[in-house]
């Protein structure tokens, strides 16, 4: 596993363990991902890109989520992040 993937997994795990607020997690994830995505293997990229897209679709406001079906709440973000981390660590 690449160092970039390991760093992103650790960041996700910190968020899932409630050590980071969602906004801090998303900002840090985006920074690492956008700067270092070219270091990922193709398999890592495919899964980590899904996490990136889920982060991008996170919307904390329920009224806004009602108007856009692609937006997700924090519970769904956590569920999807855990699912993708499980895929990465199983590979």
N, C-alpha and C. Protein backbone atom coordinates (compact mmCIF):
# COMPACT_ATOMS: atom_id res chain seq x y z
N UNK A 1 0.86 -1.17 0.00
CA UNK A 1 0.00 0.00 0.00
C UNK A 1 0.90 1.24 0.00
N UNK A 2 0.53 2.24 -0.78
CA UNK A 2 1.34 3.46 -0.85
C UNK A 2 1.21 4.29 0.43
N UNK A 3 2.21 5.12 0.67
CA UNK A 3 2.16 6.01 1.83
C UNK A 3 0.97 6.95 1.77
N UNK A 4 0.65 7.42 0.58
CA UNK A 4 -0.50 8.32 0.43
C UNK A 4 -1.78 7.63 0.84
N UNK A 5 -1.98 6.40 0.41
CA UNK A 5 -3.17 5.65 0.81
C UNK A 5 -3.19 5.45 2.31
N UNK A 6 -2.05 5.10 2.89
CA UNK A 6 -1.98 4.91 4.34
C UNK A 6 -2.33 6.20 5.08
N UNK A 7 -1.82 7.33 4.60
CA UNK A 7 -2.12 8.62 5.23
C UNK A 7 -3.60 8.96 5.14
N UNK A 8 -4.20 8.69 4.00
CA UNK A 8 -5.62 8.99 3.84
C UNK A 8 -6.49 8.05 4.68
N UNK A 9 -6.08 6.79 4.78
CA UNK A 9 -6.81 5.85 5.63
C UNK A 9 -6.75 6.32 7.09
N UNK A 10 -5.57 6.72 7.54
CA UNK A 10 -5.41 7.20 8.91
C UNK A 10 -6.28 8.44 9.16
N UNK A 11 -6.33 9.32 8.19
CA UNK A 11 -7.17 10.52 8.31
C UNK A 11 -8.65 10.13 8.40
N UNK A 12 -9.07 9.23 7.54
CA UNK A 12 -10.46 8.76 7.58
C UNK A 12 -10.77 8.11 8.93
N UNK A 13 -9.84 7.32 9.42
CA UNK A 13 -10.06 6.64 10.69
C UNK A 13 -10.16 7.64 11.84
N UNK A 14 -9.37 8.70 11.79
CA UNK A 14 -9.47 9.75 12.81
C UNK A 14 -10.85 10.39 12.79
N UNK A 15 -11.37 10.61 11.60
CA UNK A 15 -12.73 11.16 11.47
C UNK A 15 -13.76 10.16 12.01
N UNK A 16 -13.64 8.92 11.60
CA UNK A 16 -14.61 7.91 12.03
C UNK A 16 -14.56 7.68 13.54
N UNK A 17 -13.39 7.92 14.15
CA UNK A 17 -13.23 7.78 15.60
C UNK A 17 -13.59 9.07 16.34
N UNK A 18 -14.20 10.00 15.64
CA UNK A 18 -14.65 11.28 16.21
C UNK A 18 -13.51 12.14 16.75
N UNK A 19 -12.33 12.01 16.16
CA UNK A 19 -11.20 12.84 16.55
C UNK A 19 -11.12 14.12 15.72
N UNK A 20 -11.89 14.18 14.63
CA UNK A 20 -11.92 15.35 13.76
C UNK A 20 -13.35 15.74 13.45
N UNK A 21 -13.60 17.02 13.41
CA UNK A 21 -14.90 17.52 12.93
C UNK A 21 -14.98 17.24 11.43
N UNK A 22 -16.18 17.08 10.94
CA UNK A 22 -16.37 16.73 9.53
C UNK A 22 -15.73 17.75 8.59
N UNK A 23 -15.86 19.03 8.89
CA UNK A 23 -15.30 20.06 7.99
C UNK A 23 -13.77 19.99 7.96
N UNK A 24 -13.15 19.74 9.10
CA UNK A 24 -11.69 19.62 9.17
C UNK A 24 -11.24 18.38 8.39
N UNK A 25 -11.95 17.29 8.61
CA UNK A 25 -11.64 16.05 7.89
C UNK A 25 -11.71 16.25 6.38
N UNK A 26 -12.79 16.83 5.91
CA UNK A 26 -12.97 17.02 4.46
C UNK A 26 -11.89 17.92 3.90
N UNK A 27 -11.58 19.01 4.58
CA UNK A 27 -10.53 19.92 4.10
C UNK A 27 -9.17 19.23 4.02
N UNK A 28 -8.82 18.49 5.05
CA UNK A 28 -7.52 17.79 5.06
C UNK A 28 -7.47 16.69 4.00
N UNK A 29 -8.56 15.94 3.88
CA UNK A 29 -8.62 14.87 2.88
C UNK A 29 -8.43 15.46 1.49
N UNK A 30 -9.16 16.52 1.20
CA UNK A 30 -9.08 17.14 -0.12
C UNK A 30 -7.66 17.62 -0.41
N UNK A 31 -7.02 18.24 0.56
CA UNK A 31 -5.66 18.73 0.36
C UNK A 31 -4.69 17.62 0.01
N UNK A 32 -4.72 16.55 0.78
CA UNK A 32 -3.82 15.42 0.52
C UNK A 32 -4.16 14.76 -0.81
N UNK A 33 -5.44 14.51 -1.02
CA UNK A 33 -5.88 13.81 -2.23
C UNK A 33 -5.49 14.58 -3.50
N UNK A 34 -5.79 15.87 -3.52
CA UNK A 34 -5.52 16.65 -4.73
C UNK A 34 -4.02 16.82 -4.97
N UNK A 35 -3.24 16.90 -3.91
CA UNK A 35 -1.79 17.07 -4.06
C UNK A 35 -1.06 15.78 -4.39
N UNK A 36 -1.61 14.63 -3.96
CA UNK A 36 -0.83 13.39 -4.04
C UNK A 36 -1.55 12.23 -4.71
N UNK A 37 -2.66 12.48 -5.39
CA UNK A 37 -3.42 11.38 -5.98
C UNK A 37 -2.63 10.62 -7.04
N UNK A 38 -1.66 11.27 -7.67
CA UNK A 38 -0.86 10.59 -8.69
C UNK A 38 0.07 9.53 -8.09
N UNK A 39 0.22 9.52 -6.77
CA UNK A 39 1.06 8.52 -6.09
C UNK A 39 0.30 7.23 -5.79
N UNK A 40 -1.00 7.24 -5.97
CA UNK A 40 -1.84 6.08 -5.65
C UNK A 40 -1.79 5.05 -6.77
N UNK A 41 -1.92 3.78 -6.39
CA UNK A 41 -2.10 2.75 -7.41
C UNK A 41 -3.49 2.93 -8.01
N UNK A 42 -3.74 2.27 -9.11
CA UNK A 42 -5.06 2.39 -9.74
C UNK A 42 -6.16 1.88 -8.81
N UNK A 43 -5.91 0.76 -8.15
CA UNK A 43 -6.91 0.19 -7.24
C UNK A 43 -7.17 1.14 -6.07
N UNK A 44 -6.10 1.70 -5.50
CA UNK A 44 -6.26 2.66 -4.41
C UNK A 44 -7.01 3.90 -4.88
N UNK A 45 -6.63 4.39 -6.06
CA UNK A 45 -7.27 5.58 -6.60
C UNK A 45 -8.77 5.38 -6.75
N UNK A 46 -9.18 4.25 -7.29
CA UNK A 46 -10.61 4.01 -7.51
C UNK A 46 -11.41 4.09 -6.22
N UNK A 47 -10.89 3.54 -5.15
CA UNK A 47 -11.61 3.56 -3.87
C UNK A 47 -11.51 4.93 -3.21
N UNK A 48 -10.32 5.51 -3.21
CA UNK A 48 -10.13 6.80 -2.56
C UNK A 48 -10.86 7.90 -3.30
N UNK A 49 -10.96 7.79 -4.61
CA UNK A 49 -11.75 8.76 -5.38
C UNK A 49 -13.22 8.69 -4.99
N UNK A 50 -13.72 7.50 -4.70
CA UNK A 50 -15.11 7.36 -4.23
C UNK A 50 -15.30 8.09 -2.90
N UNK A 51 -14.31 7.99 -2.01
CA UNK A 51 -14.39 8.71 -0.74
C UNK A 51 -14.38 10.21 -1.00
N UNK A 52 -13.51 10.65 -1.90
CA UNK A 52 -13.45 12.07 -2.26
C UNK A 52 -14.80 12.56 -2.78
N UNK A 53 -15.42 11.78 -3.64
CA UNK A 53 -16.73 12.18 -4.20
C UNK A 53 -17.80 12.21 -3.11
N UNK A 54 -17.77 11.24 -2.20
CA UNK A 54 -18.72 11.26 -1.08
C UNK A 54 -18.51 12.49 -0.21
N UNK A 55 -17.25 12.84 0.05
CA UNK A 55 -16.98 14.06 0.81
C UNK A 55 -17.55 15.28 0.10
N UNK A 56 -17.39 15.30 -1.22
CA UNK A 56 -17.89 16.42 -2.01
C UNK A 56 -19.42 16.50 -1.99
N UNK A 57 -20.07 15.37 -1.83
CA UNK A 57 -21.54 15.33 -1.80
C UNK A 57 -22.12 15.51 -0.40
N UNK A 58 -21.27 15.65 0.60
CA UNK A 58 -21.76 15.89 1.96
C UNK A 58 -22.40 17.26 2.05
N UNK A 59 -23.60 17.28 2.62
CA UNK A 59 -24.32 18.54 2.86
C UNK A 59 -24.96 18.47 4.24
N UNK A 60 -24.53 19.35 5.15
CA UNK A 60 -25.05 19.28 6.51
C UNK A 60 -26.48 19.80 6.69
N UNK A 61 -26.98 20.56 5.74
CA UNK A 61 -28.29 21.19 5.88
C UNK A 61 -29.40 20.35 5.24
N UNK A 62 -30.35 19.85 6.05
CA UNK A 62 -31.40 18.97 5.53
C UNK A 62 -32.25 19.61 4.43
N UNK A 63 -32.52 20.88 4.54
CA UNK A 63 -33.36 21.52 3.53
C UNK A 63 -32.68 21.58 2.18
N UNK A 64 -31.39 21.76 2.17
CA UNK A 64 -30.65 21.76 0.91
C UNK A 64 -30.60 20.35 0.34
N UNK A 65 -30.40 19.35 1.21
CA UNK A 65 -30.37 17.95 0.74
C UNK A 65 -31.68 17.55 0.08
N UNK A 66 -32.79 18.13 0.54
CA UNK A 66 -34.09 17.79 -0.05
C UNK A 66 -34.15 18.15 -1.53
N UNK A 67 -33.44 19.20 -1.93
CA UNK A 67 -33.49 19.67 -3.31
C UNK A 67 -32.50 18.98 -4.23
N UNK A 68 -31.53 18.28 -3.66
CA UNK A 68 -30.49 17.65 -4.47
C UNK A 68 -30.30 16.21 -4.00
N UNK A 69 -30.71 15.27 -4.80
CA UNK A 69 -30.71 13.87 -4.39
C UNK A 69 -29.31 13.28 -4.23
N UNK A 70 -28.29 13.91 -4.82
CA UNK A 70 -26.92 13.39 -4.68
C UNK A 70 -26.29 13.74 -3.35
N UNK A 71 -26.83 14.71 -2.66
CA UNK A 71 -26.25 15.13 -1.38
C UNK A 71 -26.54 14.11 -0.30
N UNK A 72 -25.59 13.96 0.63
CA UNK A 72 -25.73 12.99 1.71
C UNK A 72 -25.51 13.67 3.06
N UNK A 73 -26.08 13.08 4.11
CA UNK A 73 -25.89 13.61 5.46
C UNK A 73 -24.65 12.97 6.09
N UNK A 74 -24.33 13.37 7.31
CA UNK A 74 -23.10 12.88 7.93
C UNK A 74 -23.17 11.39 8.26
N UNK A 75 -24.32 10.90 8.63
CA UNK A 75 -24.43 9.46 8.91
C UNK A 75 -24.11 8.64 7.66
N UNK A 76 -24.60 9.08 6.53
CA UNK A 76 -24.32 8.38 5.28
C UNK A 76 -22.86 8.54 4.88
N UNK A 77 -22.30 9.71 5.11
CA UNK A 77 -20.88 9.93 4.83
C UNK A 77 -20.03 8.98 5.65
N UNK A 78 -20.34 8.84 6.92
CA UNK A 78 -19.59 7.93 7.79
C UNK A 78 -19.74 6.47 7.31
N UNK A 79 -20.94 6.09 6.95
CA UNK A 79 -21.19 4.72 6.49
C UNK A 79 -20.37 4.42 5.22
N UNK A 80 -20.42 5.33 4.28
CA UNK A 80 -19.70 5.12 3.02
C UNK A 80 -18.19 5.16 3.22
N UNK A 81 -17.73 6.07 4.08
CA UNK A 81 -16.29 6.15 4.34
C UNK A 81 -15.81 4.84 4.96
N UNK A 82 -16.53 4.33 5.94
CA UNK A 82 -16.14 3.06 6.57
C UNK A 82 -16.14 1.92 5.56
N UNK A 83 -17.16 1.87 4.72
CA UNK A 83 -17.26 0.82 3.70
C UNK A 83 -16.04 0.86 2.77
N UNK A 84 -15.65 2.06 2.35
CA UNK A 84 -14.52 2.17 1.44
C UNK A 84 -13.18 1.90 2.13
N UNK A 85 -13.06 2.32 3.38
CA UNK A 85 -11.84 2.01 4.14
C UNK A 85 -11.72 0.50 4.29
N UNK A 86 -12.83 -0.17 4.55
CA UNK A 86 -12.81 -1.63 4.66
C UNK A 86 -12.34 -2.27 3.36
N UNK A 87 -12.77 -1.75 2.22
CA UNK A 87 -12.32 -2.25 0.92
C UNK A 87 -10.83 -2.06 0.75
N UNK A 88 -10.34 -0.88 1.12
CA UNK A 88 -8.91 -0.59 0.97
C UNK A 88 -8.05 -1.49 1.84
N UNK A 89 -8.45 -1.69 3.06
CA UNK A 89 -7.63 -2.47 3.98
C UNK A 89 -7.74 -3.96 3.72
N UNK A 90 -8.78 -4.40 3.03
CA UNK A 90 -8.93 -5.82 2.70
C UNK A 90 -8.10 -6.21 1.48
N UNK A 91 -7.77 -5.21 0.68
CA UNK A 91 -7.04 -5.51 -0.57
C UNK A 91 -5.59 -5.87 -0.33
